[in-house]
């Protein structure tokens, strides 16, 4: 049996007062991140926040592409895209 995984398009907004899912912009999920875009801190907080929101271990969420951009693709191991959308829809 294979473990489900998917990639999710993210529009990250750093320096927010708190981390929060804003909503869907087409196929991309807009996420506010409570960390500055300095030295990878926003990416680390994004991964931590998504893993916590999806009830997954931190290692199951990794930045696949766009580590220096607001437009990112995040690899999520353990859930299908349908499950991720259901869990992250505000």
C-alpha atoms as a PDB file:
ATOM      1  CA  UNK A   1       0.000   0.000   0.000  1.00  0.00           C
ATOM      2  CA  UNK A   2       1.374   3.394  -0.962  1.00  0.00           C
ATOM      3  CA  UNK A   3       1.246   6.381   1.344  1.00  0.00           C
ATOM      4  CA  UNK A   4      -0.719   9.252  -0.217  1.00  0.00           C
ATOM      5  CA  UNK A   5       1.109  12.484  -0.924  1.00  0.00           C
ATOM      6  CA  UNK A   6       0.471  15.652  -2.887  1.00  0.00           C
ATOM      7  CA  UNK A   7       1.864  19.053  -3.744  1.00  0.00           C
ATOM      8  CA  UNK A   8      -0.014  22.171  -2.764  1.00  0.00           C
ATOM      9  CA  UNK A   9       0.419  25.657  -4.278  1.00  0.00           C
ATOM     10  CA  UNK A  10       0.837  28.275  -1.539  1.00  0.00           C
ATOM     11  CA  UNK A  11       0.813  32.071  -1.583  1.00  0.00           C
ATOM     12  CA  UNK A  12       2.685  32.962   1.587  1.00  0.00           C
ATOM     13  CA  UNK A  13       2.322  36.341   3.318  1.00  0.00           C
ATOM     14  CA  UNK A  14       5.135  36.817   5.876  1.00  0.00           C
ATOM     15  CA  UNK A  15       5.172  39.156   8.902  1.00  0.00           C
ATOM     16  CA  UNK A  16       1.524  38.579   9.818  1.00  0.00           C
ATOM     17  CA  UNK A  17       0.362  39.149  13.421  1.00  0.00           C
ATOM     18  CA  UNK A  18      -0.391  35.405  13.595  1.00  0.00           C
ATOM     19  CA  UNK A  19      -0.224  32.410  11.272  1.00  0.00           C
ATOM     20  CA  UNK A  20      -3.567  31.697   9.622  1.00  0.00           C
ATOM     21  CA  UNK A  21      -5.170  30.202   6.537  1.00  0.00           C
ATOM     22  CA  UNK A  22      -6.765  33.051   4.574  1.00  0.00           C
ATOM     23  CA  UNK A  23      -8.496  30.964   1.910  1.00  0.00           C
ATOM     24  CA  UNK A  24      -8.214  29.570  -1.585  1.00  0.00           C
ATOM     25  CA  UNK A  25      -7.126  31.681  -4.570  1.00  0.00           C
ATOM     26  CA  UNK A  26      -8.005  29.277  -7.376  1.00  0.00           C
ATOM     27  CA  UNK A  27      -5.729  26.265  -6.847  1.00  0.00           C
ATOM     28  CA  UNK A  28      -3.418  28.099  -4.428  1.00  0.00           C
ATOM     29  CA  UNK A  29      -3.921  28.410  -0.681  1.00  0.00           C
ATOM     30  CA  UNK A  30      -3.169  31.845   0.794  1.00  0.00           C
ATOM     31  CA  UNK A  31      -1.490  31.545   4.194  1.00  0.00           C
ATOM     32  CA  UNK A  32      -0.399  34.348   6.530  1.00  0.00           C
ATOM     33  CA  UNK A  33       2.800  33.453   8.371  1.00  0.00           C
ATOM     34  CA  UNK A  34       3.844  34.883  11.752  1.00  0.00           C
ATOM     35  CA  UNK A  35       7.548  35.099  10.878  1.00  0.00           C
ATOM     36  CA  UNK A  36       9.734  37.412   8.798  1.00  0.00           C
ATOM     37  CA  UNK A  37      11.015  36.326   5.388  1.00  0.00           C
ATOM     38  CA  UNK A  38      14.593  36.263   6.735  1.00  0.00           C
ATOM     39  CA  UNK A  39      16.982  33.291   6.858  1.00  0.00           C
ATOM     40  CA  UNK A  40      14.224  30.783   6.083  1.00  0.00           C
ATOM     41  CA  UNK A  41      12.199  31.628   9.195  1.00  0.00           C
ATOM     42  CA  UNK A  42       8.949  32.176   7.253  1.00  0.00           C
ATOM     43  CA  UNK A  43       9.413  28.821   5.465  1.00  0.00           C
ATOM     44  CA  UNK A  44      10.026  27.065   8.777  1.00  0.00           C
ATOM     45  CA  UNK A  45       6.917  28.635  10.322  1.00  0.00           C
ATOM     46  CA  UNK A  46       4.868  27.806   7.208  1.00  0.00           C
ATOM     47  CA  UNK A  47       5.880  24.138   7.437  1.00  0.00           C
ATOM     48  CA  UNK A  48       5.211  24.016  11.181  1.00  0.00           C
ATOM     49  CA  UNK A  49       1.835  25.731  10.840  1.00  0.00           C
ATOM     50  CA  UNK A  50       0.659  23.536   7.938  1.00  0.00           C
ATOM     51  CA  UNK A  51       1.790  20.339   9.685  1.00  0.00           C
ATOM     52  CA  UNK A  52      -0.048  21.368  12.865  1.00  0.00           C
ATOM     53  CA  UNK A  53      -3.169  22.408  10.914  1.00  0.00           C
ATOM     54  CA  UNK A  54      -3.205  19.104   9.005  1.00  0.00           C
ATOM     55  CA  UNK A  55      -2.473  17.048  12.150  1.00  0.00           C
ATOM     56  CA  UNK A  56       0.712  15.649  10.590  1.00  0.00           C
ATOM     57  CA  UNK A  57       4.279  15.363  11.899  1.00  0.00           C
ATOM     58  CA  UNK A  58       6.481  18.341  10.954  1.00  0.00           C
ATOM     59  CA  UNK A  59       8.652  16.163   8.681  1.00  0.00           C
ATOM     60  CA  UNK A  60       5.605  15.370   6.473  1.00  0.00           C
ATOM     61  CA  UNK A  61       5.505  18.972   5.139  1.00  0.00           C
ATOM     62  CA  UNK A  62       8.418  20.273   3.048  1.00  0.00           C
ATOM     63  CA  UNK A  63       8.950  23.189   0.664  1.00  0.00           C
ATOM     64  CA  UNK A  64       9.286  21.625  -2.813  1.00  0.00           C
ATOM     65  CA  UNK A  65       9.826  24.818  -4.848  1.00  0.00           C
ATOM     66  CA  UNK A  66       9.828  28.567  -4.283  1.00  0.00           C
ATOM     67  CA  UNK A  67      11.769  28.729  -1.026  1.00  0.00           C
ATOM     68  CA  UNK A  68      12.704  32.383  -1.719  1.00  0.00           C
ATOM     69  CA  UNK A  69       9.366  33.369  -3.276  1.00  0.00           C
ATOM     70  CA  UNK A  70       5.884  34.057  -1.925  1.00  0.00           C
ATOM     71  CA  UNK A  71       4.597  31.554  -4.515  1.00  0.00           C
ATOM     72  CA  UNK A  72       5.565  28.094  -3.270  1.00  0.00           C
ATOM     73  CA  UNK A  73       4.810  24.427  -3.822  1.00  0.00           C
ATOM     74  CA  UNK A  74       4.660  22.411  -0.628  1.00  0.00           C
ATOM     75  CA  UNK A  75       5.074  18.625  -0.585  1.00  0.00           C
ATOM     76  CA  UNK A  76       2.675  16.972   1.875  1.00  0.00           C
ATOM     77  CA  UNK A  77       3.193  13.294   2.705  1.00  0.00           C
ATOM     78  CA  UNK A  78       0.394  11.294   4.285  1.00  0.00           C
ATOM     79  CA  UNK A  79      -2.667  12.988   2.764  1.00  0.00           C
ATOM     80  CA  UNK A  80      -4.229  13.281  -0.683  1.00  0.00           C
ATOM     81  CA  UNK A  81      -4.955  16.712  -2.164  1.00  0.00           C
ATOM     82  CA  UNK A  82      -8.675  16.158  -1.501  1.00  0.00           C
ATOM     83  CA  UNK A  83      -7.974  15.504   2.203  1.00  0.00           C
ATOM     84  CA  UNK A  84      -5.700  18.544   2.430  1.00  0.00           C
ATOM     85  CA  UNK A  85      -8.325  20.810   0.840  1.00  0.00           C
ATOM     86  CA  UNK A  86     -10.999  19.505   3.235  1.00  0.00           C
ATOM     87  CA  UNK A  87      -8.822  20.104   6.309  1.00  0.00           C
ATOM     88  CA  UNK A  88      -7.588  23.562   5.292  1.00  0.00           C
ATOM     89  CA  UNK A  89     -10.778  25.165   4.008  1.00  0.00           C
ATOM     90  CA  UNK A  90     -11.634  27.901   6.529  1.00  0.00           C
END
